[in-house]
């Protein structure tokens, strides 16, 4: 099952954590640079995972709604926070929807809808996140039943004297 990342665009773009990653600028529009950075660094894990970036305001003339396979949404007459809240509320699969933001009000509301929240620091890979933890679990070495029995015996000796 693929994940849906809904990103608070200006929140991530203006995050001090993004400055630590020092993204390379190849475009005059920082919004497109942000999306290129996300795709280039595979921050959403699999390319099958969907990305929707929400920005405040109105799109500039000629702005693309889809860029590098990600959807770009402008809030028009509402705030990006309101749009993100609505997207979380209407998510068809809340457990596979991840909202990326540092905005506490959005985080609180989103959690109440059943969607997951990821802070920008986690999303940028500066702190362990949900996706990385899940991948590490599958990489863990499996132990045999004999090894489990030995470990249990040793623990019994220590704890059940």
Protein backbone atom coordinates (compact mmCIF):
# COMPACT_ATOMS: atom_id res chain seq x y z
CA UNK A 1 0.00 0.00 0.00
CA UNK A 2 1.42 3.37 -0.97
CA UNK A 3 1.55 6.34 1.36
CA UNK A 4 0.16 9.82 0.74
CA UNK A 5 2.40 12.65 1.98
CA UNK A 6 0.64 15.98 2.46
CA UNK A 7 3.31 18.62 3.01
CA UNK A 8 2.79 22.05 4.56
CA UNK A 9 4.81 23.75 1.82
CA UNK A 10 5.89 27.06 3.30
CA UNK A 11 6.31 25.45 6.72
CA UNK A 12 8.88 23.04 5.25
CA UNK A 13 10.41 25.62 2.93
CA UNK A 14 11.03 28.04 5.82
CA UNK A 15 12.13 25.35 8.28
CA UNK A 16 15.54 25.86 9.89
CA UNK A 17 16.02 22.11 9.44
CA UNK A 18 15.94 22.49 5.64
CA UNK A 19 18.85 24.95 5.85
CA UNK A 20 20.91 22.16 7.48
CA UNK A 21 20.41 19.99 4.39
CA UNK A 22 21.65 22.80 2.08
CA UNK A 23 19.54 21.99 -0.99
CA UNK A 24 21.00 22.97 -4.37
CA UNK A 25 18.95 25.57 -6.20
CA UNK A 26 18.40 24.86 -9.87
CA UNK A 27 15.25 26.88 -10.42
CA UNK A 28 14.22 30.46 -9.69
CA UNK A 29 11.12 29.25 -7.86
CA UNK A 30 11.92 27.94 -4.35
CA UNK A 31 8.69 25.93 -4.32
CA UNK A 32 9.89 23.89 -7.32
CA UNK A 33 13.36 23.64 -5.80
CA UNK A 34 11.80 22.16 -2.67
CA UNK A 35 9.97 19.53 -4.70
CA UNK A 36 13.10 18.69 -6.70
CA UNK A 37 15.00 18.32 -3.41
CA UNK A 38 12.34 15.99 -1.98
CA UNK A 39 12.36 13.79 -5.09
CA UNK A 40 16.15 13.79 -5.54
CA UNK A 41 16.75 12.76 -1.92
CA UNK A 42 13.89 10.22 -1.91
CA UNK A 43 12.46 11.70 1.30
CA UNK A 44 9.12 9.94 0.80
CA UNK A 45 10.67 6.50 0.50
CA UNK A 46 9.24 4.69 -2.52
CA UNK A 47 8.45 6.56 -5.72
CA UNK A 48 5.01 4.92 -5.52
CA UNK A 49 4.22 7.12 -2.52
CA UNK A 50 2.20 10.17 -3.47
CA UNK A 51 3.17 13.74 -2.67
CA UNK A 52 0.84 16.69 -2.30
CA UNK A 53 2.39 20.02 -1.32
CA UNK A 54 0.04 22.71 -0.05
CA UNK A 55 1.01 26.39 -0.28
CA UNK A 56 -0.78 29.50 0.96
CA UNK A 57 -2.20 31.97 -1.52
CA UNK A 58 -2.67 31.94 -5.26
CA UNK A 59 -0.47 30.23 -7.86
CA UNK A 60 1.66 32.43 -10.08
CA UNK A 61 0.56 32.61 -13.69
CA UNK A 62 1.54 29.51 -15.64
CA UNK A 63 2.36 27.49 -12.53
CA UNK A 64 2.13 23.72 -13.02
CA UNK A 65 -0.31 21.77 -10.85
CA UNK A 66 1.82 18.65 -11.19
CA UNK A 67 5.63 18.77 -11.06
CA UNK A 68 7.95 15.75 -10.94
CA UNK A 69 4.95 13.51 -10.35
CA UNK A 70 3.80 15.45 -7.27
CA UNK A 71 0.64 17.51 -6.94
CA UNK A 72 0.90 21.16 -5.96
CA UNK A 73 -2.13 22.79 -4.33
CA UNK A 74 -2.56 26.47 -3.51
CA UNK A 75 -5.03 27.46 -0.81
CA UNK A 76 -6.46 30.46 -2.74
CA UNK A 77 -8.80 32.37 -0.39
CA UNK A 78 -8.25 30.03 2.58
CA UNK A 79 -5.10 29.27 4.55
CA UNK A 80 -2.90 26.28 3.82
CA UNK A 81 -3.66 25.13 7.38
CA UNK A 82 -7.38 24.97 6.58
CA UNK A 83 -6.72 23.06 3.35
CA UNK A 84 -4.45 20.57 5.14
CA UNK A 85 -7.04 20.06 7.89
CA UNK A 86 -9.71 19.41 5.26
CA UNK A 87 -7.44 16.95 3.38
CA UNK A 88 -6.78 15.06 6.62
CA UNK A 89 -10.49 15.01 7.44
CA UNK A 90 -11.39 13.67 3.99
CA UNK A 91 -8.53 11.16 3.68
CA UNK A 92 -9.85 7.88 2.32
CA UNK A 93 -7.10 5.98 4.13
CA UNK A 94 -6.03 7.98 7.21
CA UNK A 95 -3.42 5.44 8.41
CA UNK A 96 -1.54 5.76 5.12
CA UNK A 97 -1.75 9.58 5.06
CA UNK A 98 1.20 11.43 6.56
CA UNK A 99 1.02 15.17 7.17
CA UNK A 100 4.45 16.87 7.24
CA UNK A 101 4.40 20.03 9.35
CA UNK A 102 5.80 21.66 12.48
CA UNK A 103 2.57 23.59 13.07
CA UNK A 104 1.22 22.38 16.43
CA UNK A 105 -2.41 23.26 15.65
CA UNK A 106 -2.33 21.20 12.47
CA UNK A 107 -0.59 18.31 14.27
CA UNK A 108 -3.25 18.18 16.98
CA UNK A 109 -6.14 18.27 14.51
CA UNK A 110 -4.55 15.75 12.13
CA UNK A 111 -3.98 13.22 14.92
CA UNK A 112 -7.69 13.41 15.76
CA UNK A 113 -8.54 12.35 12.19
CA UNK A 114 -6.40 9.21 12.39
CA UNK A 115 -3.78 10.48 9.95
CA UNK A 116 -0.13 10.38 10.93
CA UNK A 117 2.06 13.41 11.57
CA UNK A 118 5.72 13.81 10.73
CA UNK A 119 7.74 16.83 11.81
CA UNK A 120 9.99 18.50 9.24
CA UNK A 121 13.10 17.34 11.09
CA UNK A 122 11.97 13.72 10.78
CA UNK A 123 10.93 14.14 7.16
CA UNK A 124 14.33 15.59 6.22
CA UNK A 125 16.08 12.62 7.81
CA UNK A 126 17.71 14.59 10.63
CA UNK A 127 15.85 12.50 13.20
CA UNK A 128 14.65 8.87 12.93
CA UNK A 129 11.17 8.67 11.44
CA UNK A 130 8.32 6.24 10.94
CA UNK A 131 9.46 5.03 7.52
CA UNK A 132 13.07 4.42 8.53
CA UNK A 133 12.05 2.56 11.68
CA UNK A 134 9.81 0.32 9.63
CA UNK A 135 12.62 -0.46 7.18
CA UNK A 136 15.04 -1.23 10.01
CA UNK A 137 12.60 -3.73 11.52
CA UNK A 138 12.61 -5.78 8.33
CA UNK A 139 16.41 -5.72 8.22
CA UNK A 140 16.76 -7.10 11.75
CA UNK A 141 18.45 -10.50 11.85
CA UNK A 142 16.18 -13.35 12.79
CA UNK A 143 17.18 -15.72 15.55
CA UNK A 144 16.54 -19.42 15.61
CA UNK A 145 14.38 -21.24 18.14
CA UNK A 146 17.51 -22.74 19.68
CA UNK A 147 18.97 -19.26 20.19
CA UNK A 148 15.67 -18.05 21.69
CA UNK A 149 15.63 -20.97 24.12
CA UNK A 150 19.22 -20.21 25.22
CA UNK A 151 18.40 -16.53 25.76
CA UNK A 152 15.28 -17.44 27.76
CA UNK A 153 17.27 -19.87 29.93
CA UNK A 154 19.90 -17.20 30.64
CA UNK A 155 17.22 -14.66 31.55
CA UNK A 156 15.48 -17.16 33.85
CA UNK A 157 18.76 -17.73 35.69
CA UNK A 158 19.25 -14.00 36.15
CA UNK A 159 15.70 -12.94 37.03
CA UNK A 160 14.23 -16.05 38.70
CA UNK A 161 16.89 -16.94 41.29
